[in-house]
Amino acid sequence: MQVDASIFKAYDIRGIYPDQLDEELAYAVGRAFVTFLKADEVVVGRDMRLAGPQMKASLIRGLTDQGADVIDIGMVSTDQYYYACATLEKPGLMVTASHNPPEYCGFKMVREMPYLLSGDEGIQDLRRIIEAEEYAPSPSAKGQVVEKELSQGFVDKVLTLTDPADIAPLKVVADTGNGMVGPILERVYEKLPVELIGMFLEPDGRVPNHGLDPMQPENRADLEQRIVDEKADIGFAFDGDGDRFFIVDDRGLFVPGDFITALMGCYMLEKYPGAKIVYDVRCSWAVRDMISKAGGIPLIERVGHSFLKPRMFEEGAVFAGELSGHYYFQDFYGADSGIVPSLLVLEMLSRKGQKLSELLAPLEAQYFLSGEINSRVEDTNVKIQALAERYGDGLVERIDGISVSYDTWHFNVRASNTEPLLRLNLEALSQEQMEEKRDELLNFIRS
């Protein structure tokens, strides 16, 4: 079968429906998944995308024609899907395109929790099986489908990770962007003493209000304004499938993911003294400094769950954070979740009796971040090597792309997985030096 190879990505299968992937491909993915994993039972869920029902039906047909039984968990957020795979101890497929625009569809695949199929670890194998049509022989008996409702179990599980009695009656604005988090968020938060002001809670595959990726400033504008209007204590944003989590503080200002990682890492150390915390190469020195000061062990790692999750398990780390809004918890099967960190942040603010802006003040006074800046280049490898030569007088590390550290500033430049882009993250200990070095780096990269 001919396929568009570009849809088989580093972490999932994703493309435009029906141009790049359709029901025929969904059927083939089901057959290939069973062939590759030799799976006898598979969890299947989907997000709110308009193509979801027919894509899920074709996927299930492929799975059952190949002899696997299917546990259909319905329309769920990614963390509900991970919960299902973990508690049922089964591999899984979710029909989702995460935070991509509404015309996209795709598949996120669990091998066994917390490990997903990724580019070199299964996704390219599926592509080869589908292209060659090398499926295992079809059994005489088709698999059976059972529907399973697991949402109450998920609610109960995430509430064990916090103490609702410790949470103050905070005013919380939550924008779920017509993605998958809204309904389950309401069910969790009705057990808390907070005042929840929901925005765009209804899942809607047309995505009528704003895009599904809160990393883009235009997708946070409504939330930021609402926090100011409501005089709310905090604002939360979730991406389309609910595996990423973002915060807007009581001033209506977006909080960078590495500052969240630093604060949440320190809070986890109050629960698990001396524990290990994993963070990615793009993060602020604030993470390293604060974790160390709080008695924890900070561990730096490459970007992406296929690197962070194994490192967490190897090291026995209790928590990992990424700049991109992925937060992983040992207590939640080593998986990332949007809802779990939201609960821990509420508990942290309540116990400390401080506003988030007050907790952020020392960080904002010491660490000055460029944010992630993309530059299109002809050859990413050539440019990274040129950076290594130009900044060779600093401490050069090649964990992921290139990281260079000096006494008062540092940067990471890494290539995009999917486009000819270089991504720059830079930090300095003064605003002036950050701006000066940011502009210097961008001029060099773009020259």
Protein backbone atom coordinates (compact mmCIF):
# COMPACT_ATOMS: atom_id res chain seq x y z
CA MET A 1 0.00 0.00 0.00
CA GLN A 2 1.32 3.44 -0.91
CA VAL A 3 1.54 5.88 1.99
CA ASP A 4 2.79 9.41 2.54
CA ALA A 5 5.99 8.74 4.50
CA SER A 6 5.95 12.26 5.99
CA ILE A 7 3.00 11.44 8.27
CA PHE A 8 5.07 8.88 10.21
CA LYS A 9 6.62 11.30 12.69
CA ALA A 10 8.91 11.17 15.72
CA TYR A 11 6.13 10.67 18.29
CA ASP A 12 2.98 9.77 16.35
CA ILE A 13 1.30 9.38 12.97
CA ARG A 14 -0.22 12.70 11.93
CA GLY A 15 -1.41 14.37 8.73
CA ILE A 16 -4.24 16.15 6.95
CA TYR A 17 -7.49 14.19 6.58
CA PRO A 18 -8.41 12.84 4.05
CA ASP A 19 -5.49 13.95 1.83
CA GLN A 20 -2.60 12.37 3.73
CA LEU A 21 -4.43 9.76 5.80
CA ASP A 22 -7.91 8.27 5.63
CA GLU A 23 -10.02 5.28 6.67
CA GLU A 24 -8.01 2.92 4.47
CA LEU A 25 -4.84 3.91 6.30
CA ALA A 26 -6.60 3.66 9.69
CA TYR A 27 -7.55 0.07 8.84
CA ALA A 28 -3.95 -0.67 7.81
CA VAL A 29 -2.58 0.90 11.01
CA GLY A 30 -4.81 -1.42 13.04
CA ARG A 31 -3.56 -4.51 11.23
CA ALA A 32 0.08 -3.38 11.38
CA PHE A 33 -0.15 -2.55 15.10
CA VAL A 34 -1.32 -6.07 15.96
CA THR A 35 1.28 -7.59 13.63
CA PHE A 36 4.15 -5.57 15.12
CA LEU A 37 3.26 -5.91 18.81
CA LYS A 38 1.63 -9.36 18.57
CA ALA A 39 -1.12 -7.76 20.64
CA ASP A 40 -4.15 -9.81 21.67
CA GLU A 41 -6.09 -6.94 23.25
CA VAL A 42 -5.84 -3.20 22.51
CA VAL A 43 -7.25 -0.04 24.15
CA VAL A 44 -8.78 2.40 21.64
CA GLY A 45 -9.91 5.99 22.26
CA ARG A 46 -10.35 9.16 20.24
CA ASP A 47 -10.42 12.93 20.57
CA MET A 48 -13.07 15.37 19.32
CA ARG A 49 -11.88 15.66 15.71
CA LEU A 50 -14.63 15.53 13.11
CA ALA A 51 -12.99 12.59 11.32
CA GLY A 52 -12.64 10.74 14.63
CA PRO A 53 -15.71 8.47 14.52
CA GLN A 54 -15.04 7.02 11.06
CA MET A 55 -11.28 6.82 11.60
CA LYS A 56 -11.80 4.98 14.89
CA ALA A 57 -14.29 2.58 13.30
CA SER A 58 -11.82 1.69 10.52
CA LEU A 59 -8.98 1.34 13.01
CA ILE A 60 -11.04 -1.04 15.16
CA ARG A 61 -11.94 -3.09 12.08
CA GLY A 62 -8.23 -3.44 11.29
CA LEU A 63 -7.45 -4.53 14.84
CA THR A 64 -10.28 -7.06 15.06
CA ASP A 65 -9.70 -8.44 11.54
CA GLN A 66 -6.17 -9.16 12.71
CA GLY A 67 -7.59 -11.09 15.68
CA ALA A 68 -7.16 -8.59 18.52
CA ASP A 69 -9.92 -7.81 20.99
CA VAL A 70 -10.62 -4.11 21.47
CA ILE A 71 -11.47 -2.16 24.63
CA ASP A 72 -13.23 0.96 23.32
CA ILE A 73 -12.93 3.74 25.92
CA GLY A 74 -14.77 6.33 23.83
CA MET A 75 -13.92 10.02 23.56
CA VAL A 76 -11.16 10.85 26.06
CA SER A 77 -8.25 13.14 26.88
CA THR A 78 -4.75 11.76 26.44
CA ASP A 79 -4.21 11.36 30.18
CA GLN A 80 -7.45 9.37 30.44
CA TYR A 81 -6.14 7.16 27.61
CA TYR A 82 -2.83 6.68 29.44
CA TYR A 83 -4.75 5.83 32.61
CA ALA A 84 -6.69 3.16 30.69
CA CYS A 85 -3.56 1.60 29.17
CA ALA A 86 -1.83 1.62 32.57
CA THR A 87 -4.65 0.17 34.66
CA LEU A 88 -5.70 -2.40 32.04
CA GLU A 89 -2.03 -3.18 31.30
CA LYS A 90 -2.66 -3.14 27.54
CA PRO A 91 -1.18 -1.40 24.52
CA GLY A 92 -3.33 1.29 22.95
CA LEU A 93 -4.17 3.49 20.00
CA MET A 94 -5.75 6.94 20.27
CA VAL A 95 -7.16 8.72 17.24
CA THR A 96 -5.84 12.26 17.77
CA ALA A 97 -3.73 14.97 16.20
CA SER A 98 -2.95 16.65 19.52
CA HIS A 99 -2.81 20.44 19.13
CA ASN A 100 -2.76 20.50 15.30
CA PRO A 101 -5.47 22.44 13.41
CA PRO A 102 -8.88 20.77 12.89
CA GLU A 103 -8.13 19.40 9.41
CA TYR A 104 -5.50 17.06 10.89
CA CYS A 105 -6.00 13.54 12.23
CA GLY A 106 -3.64 10.84 13.40
CA PHE A 107 -2.71 8.16 15.94
CA LYS A 108 -0.85 8.18 19.25
CA MET A 109 0.28 4.66 20.17
CA VAL A 110 1.18 3.12 23.53
CA ARG A 111 3.44 0.06 23.48
CA GLU A 112 3.15 -0.45 27.24
CA MET A 113 2.83 2.33 29.76
CA PRO A 114 4.56 4.67 29.96
CA TYR A 115 6.29 3.95 26.64
CA LEU A 116 4.82 5.12 23.36
CA LEU A 117 5.79 3.96 19.92
CA SER A 118 8.16 6.57 18.50
CA GLY A 119 10.01 7.15 15.22
CA ASP A 120 12.79 4.57 15.51
CA GLU A 121 10.95 2.53 18.12
CA GLY A 122 7.97 1.22 16.21
CA ILE A 123 6.47 3.97 14.03
CA GLN A 124 8.80 3.34 11.07
CA ASP A 125 8.23 -0.41 11.58
CA LEU A 126 4.49 0.17 11.15
CA ARG A 127 5.16 2.15 7.97
CA ARG A 128 7.26 -0.68 6.52
CA ILE A 129 4.63 -3.30 7.39
CA ILE A 130 1.88 -1.19 5.78
CA GLU A 131 3.90 -0.40 2.63
CA ALA A 132 4.86 -4.04 2.10
CA GLU A 133 1.45 -5.31 3.34
CA GLU A 134 3.36 -7.84 5.44
CA TYR A 135 0.66 -8.47 8.01
CA ALA A 136 0.61 -11.57 10.17
CA PRO A 137 -1.79 -14.21 8.79
CA SER A 138 -5.36 -13.27 9.67
CA PRO A 139 -6.83 -15.64 12.25
CA SER A 140 -10.05 -17.55 11.63
CA ALA A 141 -11.84 -15.74 14.46
CA LYS A 142 -12.12 -11.97 14.52
CA GLY A 143 -11.51 -10.03 17.71
CA GLN A 144 -14.38 -8.80 19.87
CA VAL A 145 -15.12 -5.20 20.91
CA VAL A 146 -16.18 -4.20 24.41
CA GLU A 147 -16.96 -0.65 25.49
CA LYS A 148 -15.53 0.41 28.82
CA GLU A 149 -16.28 3.56 30.84
CA LEU A 150 -13.20 4.48 32.86
CA SER A 151 -13.70 8.17 33.55
CA GLN A 152 -14.72 7.74 37.20
CA GLY A 153 -11.63 5.67 37.86
CA PHE A 154 -9.52 8.42 36.32
CA VAL A 155 -11.16 11.08 38.51
CA ASP A 156 -10.54 8.96 41.60
CA LYS A 157 -6.91 8.33 40.62
CA VAL A 158 -5.91 11.97 40.02
CA LEU A 159 -7.60 13.05 43.25
CA THR A 160 -5.33 10.64 45.17
CA LEU A 161 -2.34 12.69 43.96
CA THR A 162 -3.44 15.76 45.91
CA ASP A 163 -5.28 16.50 49.13
CA PRO A 164 -8.48 18.38 48.21
CA ALA A 165 -8.86 19.42 51.86
CA ASP A 166 -5.62 21.40 51.56
CA ILE A 167 -6.79 23.41 48.56
CA ALA A 168 -8.02 26.94 49.28
CA PRO A 169 -11.17 28.44 47.67
CA LEU A 170 -9.18 29.94 44.80
CA LYS A 171 -10.77 31.50 41.73
CA VAL A 172 -9.50 29.53 38.72
CA VAL A 173 -10.09 30.30 35.04
CA ALA A 174 -9.58 27.25 32.80
CA ASP A 175 -9.52 27.42 29.00
CA THR A 176 -9.69 24.00 27.39
CA GLY A 177 -10.05 25.43 23.88
CA ASN A 178 -12.89 23.10 22.79
CA GLY A 179 -10.44 20.24 23.18
CA MET A 180 -10.81 17.06 25.20
CA VAL A 181 -10.11 18.30 28.74
CA GLY A 182 -13.29 20.27 29.52
CA PRO A 183 -15.73 17.53 30.58
CA ILE A 184 -13.26 15.57 32.71
CA LEU A 185 -11.83 18.77 34.24
CA GLU A 186 -15.31 19.73 35.46
CA ARG A 187 -15.75 16.30 37.05
CA VAL A 188 -12.42 16.54 38.87
CA TYR A 189 -12.83 20.17 39.93
CA GLU A 190 -16.33 19.68 41.33
CA LYS A 191 -14.56 17.73 44.10
CA LEU A 192 -12.44 20.78 44.97
CA PRO A 193 -13.38 23.92 46.94
CA VAL A 194 -12.25 26.19 44.07
CA GLU A 195 -14.44 28.48 41.97
CA LEU A 196 -13.97 27.22 38.41
CA ILE A 197 -14.64 29.66 35.57
CA GLY A 198 -14.60 27.52 32.45
CA MET A 199 -13.87 28.75 28.94
CA PHE A 200 -14.62 26.73 25.79
CA LEU A 201 -15.11 23.53 27.81
CA GLU A 202 -17.26 21.77 25.21
CA PRO A 203 -15.26 19.47 22.89
CA ASP A 204 -15.83 20.66 19.32
CA GLY A 205 -13.86 19.33 16.36
CA ARG A 206 -14.52 22.53 14.43
CA VAL A 207 -12.36 24.37 17.01
CA PRO A 208 -14.53 27.51 16.70
CA ASN A 209 -12.89 29.87 19.23
CA HIS A 210 -9.11 29.70 18.98
CA GLY A 211 -6.36 27.23 18.09
CA LEU A 212 -5.52 24.15 20.14
CA ASP A 213 -1.92 25.05 21.01
CA PRO A 214 -1.62 27.42 24.01
CA MET A 215 2.09 27.93 23.25
CA GLN A 216 0.90 30.34 20.54
CA PRO A 217 0.18 33.73 22.19
CA GLU A 218 -2.98 34.38 20.15
CA ASN A 219 -4.53 31.22 21.63
CA ARG A 220 -4.03 32.52 25.19
CA ALA A 221 -5.31 36.06 24.69
CA ASP A 222 -8.90 35.28 25.78
CA LEU A 223 -7.68 33.56 28.95
CA GLU A 224 -5.24 36.33 29.85
CA GLN A 225 -7.96 38.97 29.53
CA ARG A 226 -10.50 36.90 31.47
CA ILE A 227 -8.12 36.53 34.44
CA VAL A 228 -7.73 40.29 34.64
CA ASP A 229 -11.49 40.88 34.24
CA GLU A 230 -12.42 38.30 36.88
CA LYS A 231 -9.57 39.22 39.25
CA ALA A 232 -8.83 35.49 39.30
CA ASP A 233 -6.05 33.83 41.28
CA ILE A 234 -4.72 31.80 38.37
CA GLY A 235 -5.49 30.61 34.84
CA PHE A 236 -4.89 27.23 33.25
CA ALA A 237 -4.78 26.35 29.55
CA PHE A 238 -4.73 22.86 28.06
CA ASP A 239 -3.87 21.76 24.55
CA GLY A 240 -6.28 19.88 22.28
CA ASP A 241 -5.75 16.35 23.60
CA GLY A 242 -4.89 17.36 27.15
CA ASP A 243 -1.33 16.14 27.61
CA ARG A 244 0.14 19.64 27.89
CA PHE A 245 -0.52 22.23 30.57
CA PHE A 246 0.08 25.98 30.70
CA ILE A 247 -0.34 28.68 33.34
CA VAL A 248 -1.28 32.33 33.23
CA ASP A 249 -0.64 34.02 36.59
CA ASP A 250 -2.78 36.40 38.65
CA ARG A 251 -1.42 39.36 36.64
CA GLY A 252 -2.64 37.83 33.38
CA LEU A 253 0.94 36.98 32.36
CA PHE A 254 2.03 33.71 30.73
CA VAL A 255 4.41 31.63 32.87
CA PRO A 256 7.26 29.91 30.98
CA GLY A 257 7.31 26.12 31.25
CA ASP A 258 10.77 26.06 32.81
CA PHE A 259 9.68 28.35 35.65
CA ILE A 260 6.73 25.98 36.23
CA THR A 261 9.17 23.04 36.20
CA ALA A 262 11.35 24.79 38.80
CA LEU A 263 8.45 25.62 41.14
CA MET A 264 6.73 22.25 40.74
CA GLY A 265 10.04 20.39 41.06
CA CYS A 266 10.70 22.13 44.39
CA TYR A 267 7.16 21.35 45.54
CA MET A 268 7.63 17.67 44.64
CA LEU A 269 10.78 17.72 46.78
CA GLU A 270 8.64 18.70 49.78
CA LYS A 271 6.75 15.44 49.20
CA TYR A 272 9.84 13.41 48.21
CA PRO A 273 12.92 14.94 49.92
CA GLY A 274 16.20 14.43 48.06
CA ALA A 275 14.46 13.09 44.94
CA LYS A 276 15.67 13.31 41.35
CA ILE A 277 13.99 15.73 38.93
CA VAL A 278 14.49 15.51 35.14
CA TYR A 279 14.32 18.56 32.87
CA ASP A 280 15.12 19.25 29.23
CA VAL A 281 18.13 21.03 27.70
CA ARG A 282 16.12 24.14 26.80
CA CYS A 283 15.25 24.97 30.40
CA SER A 284 16.30 27.97 32.47
CA TRP A 285 19.13 27.69 35.00
CA ALA A 286 16.33 28.35 37.50
CA VAL A 287 15.44 24.63 37.34
CA ARG A 288 18.97 23.44 38.12
CA ASP A 289 19.57 26.08 40.79
CA MET A 290 16.26 25.75 42.64
CA ILE A 291 16.19 21.93 42.61
CA SER A 292 19.75 21.81 43.97
CA LYS A 293 19.00 24.44 46.62
CA ALA A 294 15.93 22.46 47.72
CA GLY A 295 18.07 19.35 48.22
CA GLY A 296 17.04 17.55 45.06
CA ILE A 297 19.12 16.15 42.21
CA PRO A 298 18.51 17.91 38.86
CA LEU A 299 19.11 15.76 35.76
CA ILE A 300 19.30 17.29 32.28
CA GLU A 301 18.01 15.30 29.29
CA ARG A 302 17.19 15.54 25.59
CA VAL A 303 13.85 17.00 24.53
CA GLY A 304 10.91 14.60 24.07
CA HIS A 305 9.09 11.87 25.96
CA SER A 306 11.10 9.10 24.28
CA PHE A 307 14.15 10.42 26.17
CA LEU A 308 12.63 11.84 29.37
CA LYS A 309 10.47 8.85 30.31
CA PRO A 310 13.25 6.22 30.10
CA ARG A 311 15.57 8.56 32.03
CA MET A 312 12.93 9.00 34.73
CA PHE A 313 12.63 5.25 35.15
CA GLU A 314 16.38 4.58 35.02
CA GLU A 315 16.99 7.19 37.71
CA GLY A 316 13.84 6.65 39.79
CA ALA A 317 12.97 10.34 39.33
CA VAL A 318 9.64 11.51 40.73
CA PHE A 319 8.96 14.29 38.22
CA ALA A 320 10.08 15.60 34.83
CA GLY A 321 9.25 18.86 33.11
CA GLU A 322 9.65 20.17 29.58
CA LEU A 323 9.64 23.74 28.34
CA SER A 324 6.82 22.77 25.96
CA GLY A 325 4.30 22.13 28.77
CA HIS A 326 4.70 18.37 29.21
CA TYR A 327 4.92 17.33 32.86
CA TYR A 328 5.54 13.70 33.84
CA PHE A 329 4.83 12.13 37.22
CA GLN A 330 6.10 8.89 38.71
CA ASP A 331 2.82 8.74 40.66
CA PHE A 332 0.87 8.86 37.38
CA TYR A 333 2.54 5.89 35.67
CA GLY A 334 5.45 8.07 34.52
CA ALA A 335 3.07 9.69 32.06
CA ASP A 336 2.38 13.30 31.18
CA SER A 337 -0.95 14.86 32.09
CA GLY A 338 -2.62 18.24 31.94
CA ILE A 339 -4.93 17.78 34.90
CA VAL A 340 -2.41 16.36 37.40
CA PRO A 341 -0.07 19.40 37.39
CA SER A 342 -3.06 21.73 37.65
CA LEU A 343 -4.04 20.04 40.93
CA LEU A 344 -0.52 20.17 42.32
CA VAL A 345 -0.19 23.87 41.48
CA LEU A 346 -3.46 24.61 43.32
CA GLU A 347 -2.25 22.60 46.32
CA MET A 348 1.14 24.38 46.25
CA LEU A 349 -0.41 27.87 46.15
CA SER A 350 -2.86 26.96 48.92
CA ARG A 351 -0.23 25.54 51.27
CA LYS A 352 2.17 28.42 50.71
CA GLY A 353 -0.55 31.04 51.02
CA GLN A 354 1.07 33.10 48.28
CA LYS A 355 0.02 34.34 44.87
CA LEU A 356 1.80 32.76 41.92
CA SER A 357 3.21 36.17 40.96
CA GLU A 358 4.87 36.31 44.40
CA LEU A 359 6.45 32.88 43.94
CA LEU A 360 7.68 33.93 40.49
CA ALA A 361 9.15 37.28 41.60
CA PRO A 362 12.59 35.95 42.66
CA LEU A 363 12.90 34.01 39.39
CA GLU A 364 11.89 36.96 37.25
CA ALA A 365 14.47 39.13 39.04
CA GLN A 366 17.33 36.72 38.35
CA TYR A 367 16.68 34.80 35.13
CA PHE A 368 15.96 36.52 31.82
CA LEU A 369 14.66 34.26 29.05
CA SER A 370 14.53 34.77 25.29
CA GLY A 371 11.73 32.25 24.82
CA GLU A 372 12.04 29.79 21.92
CA ILE A 373 12.85 31.53 18.61
CA ASN A 374 12.78 29.65 15.29
CA SER A 375 15.01 30.38 12.32
CA ARG A 376 14.75 28.72 8.89
CA VAL A 377 18.15 27.57 7.64
CA GLU A 378 19.40 25.58 4.64
CA ASP A 379 21.35 22.93 6.57
CA THR A 380 20.79 22.57 10.32
CA ASN A 381 23.86 20.35 10.88
CA VAL A 382 26.23 22.77 9.14
CA LYS A 383 24.91 25.70 11.16
CA ILE A 384 25.15 23.81 14.48
CA GLN A 385 28.78 22.94 13.70
CA ALA A 386 29.47 26.60 12.89
CA LEU A 387 27.98 27.57 16.27
CA ALA A 388 30.27 25.06 18.00
CA GLU A 389 33.28 26.71 16.40
CA ARG A 390 32.12 30.30 16.96
CA TYR A 391 31.31 29.70 20.67
CA GLY A 392 33.99 27.11 21.38
CA ASP A 393 35.41 29.21 24.22
CA GLY A 394 32.31 28.42 26.33
CA LEU A 395 31.37 25.11 27.93
CA VAL A 396 30.02 23.19 24.93
CA GLU A 397 27.66 20.22 25.40
CA ARG A 398 26.06 18.12 22.66
CA ILE A 399 23.24 16.45 24.60
CA ASP A 400 20.61 17.69 22.14
CA GLY A 401 21.72 20.04 19.38
CA ILE A 402 24.31 22.31 20.96
CA SER A 403 24.31 23.89 24.42
CA VAL A 404 26.94 26.49 25.33
CA SER A 405 27.36 27.98 28.82
CA TYR A 406 29.30 31.02 30.02
CA ASP A 407 29.36 32.50 33.54
CA THR A 408 26.37 34.80 33.08
CA TRP A 409 24.52 33.41 30.04
CA HIS A 410 23.90 30.23 28.10
CA PHE A 411 21.98 28.98 25.07
CA ASN A 412 20.72 25.85 23.36
CA VAL A 413 20.19 25.52 19.63
CA ARG A 414 18.56 22.37 18.28
CA ALA A 415 17.01 21.30 15.01
CA SER A 416 13.29 20.75 14.57
CA ASN A 417 12.29 17.10 14.07
CA THR A 418 10.00 17.97 11.19
CA GLU A 419 11.18 21.16 9.43
CA PRO A 420 14.46 22.84 8.35
CA LEU A 421 14.35 25.03 11.46
CA LEU A 422 16.77 25.80 14.25
CA ARG A 423 15.23 26.58 17.63
CA LEU A 424 17.11 28.97 19.92
CA ASN A 425 16.59 29.22 23.68
CA LEU A 426 18.85 31.70 25.46
CA GLU A 427 19.08 32.97 29.01
CA ALA A 428 21.18 35.58 30.79
CA LEU A 429 21.37 36.97 34.30
CA SER A 430 20.37 40.46 33.07
CA GLN A 431 17.78 41.68 30.60
CA GLU A 432 20.41 43.73 28.74
CA GLN A 433 22.77 40.81 28.20
CA MET A 434 19.90 38.51 27.21
CA GLU A 435 18.81 40.93 24.47
CA GLU A 436 22.39 41.55 23.31
CA LYS A 437 23.31 37.85 23.09
CA ARG A 438 19.91 36.88 21.61
CA ASP A 439 20.38 39.35 18.76
CA GLU A 440 24.00 38.26 18.27
CA LEU A 441 22.99 34.59 18.04
CA LEU A 442 20.08 35.25 15.69
CA ASN A 443 22.29 37.31 13.37
CA PHE A 444 24.82 34.47 13.27
CA ILE A 445 22.19 31.75 12.71
CA ARG A 446 20.40 33.71 10.00
CA SER A 447 23.53 34.90 8.17
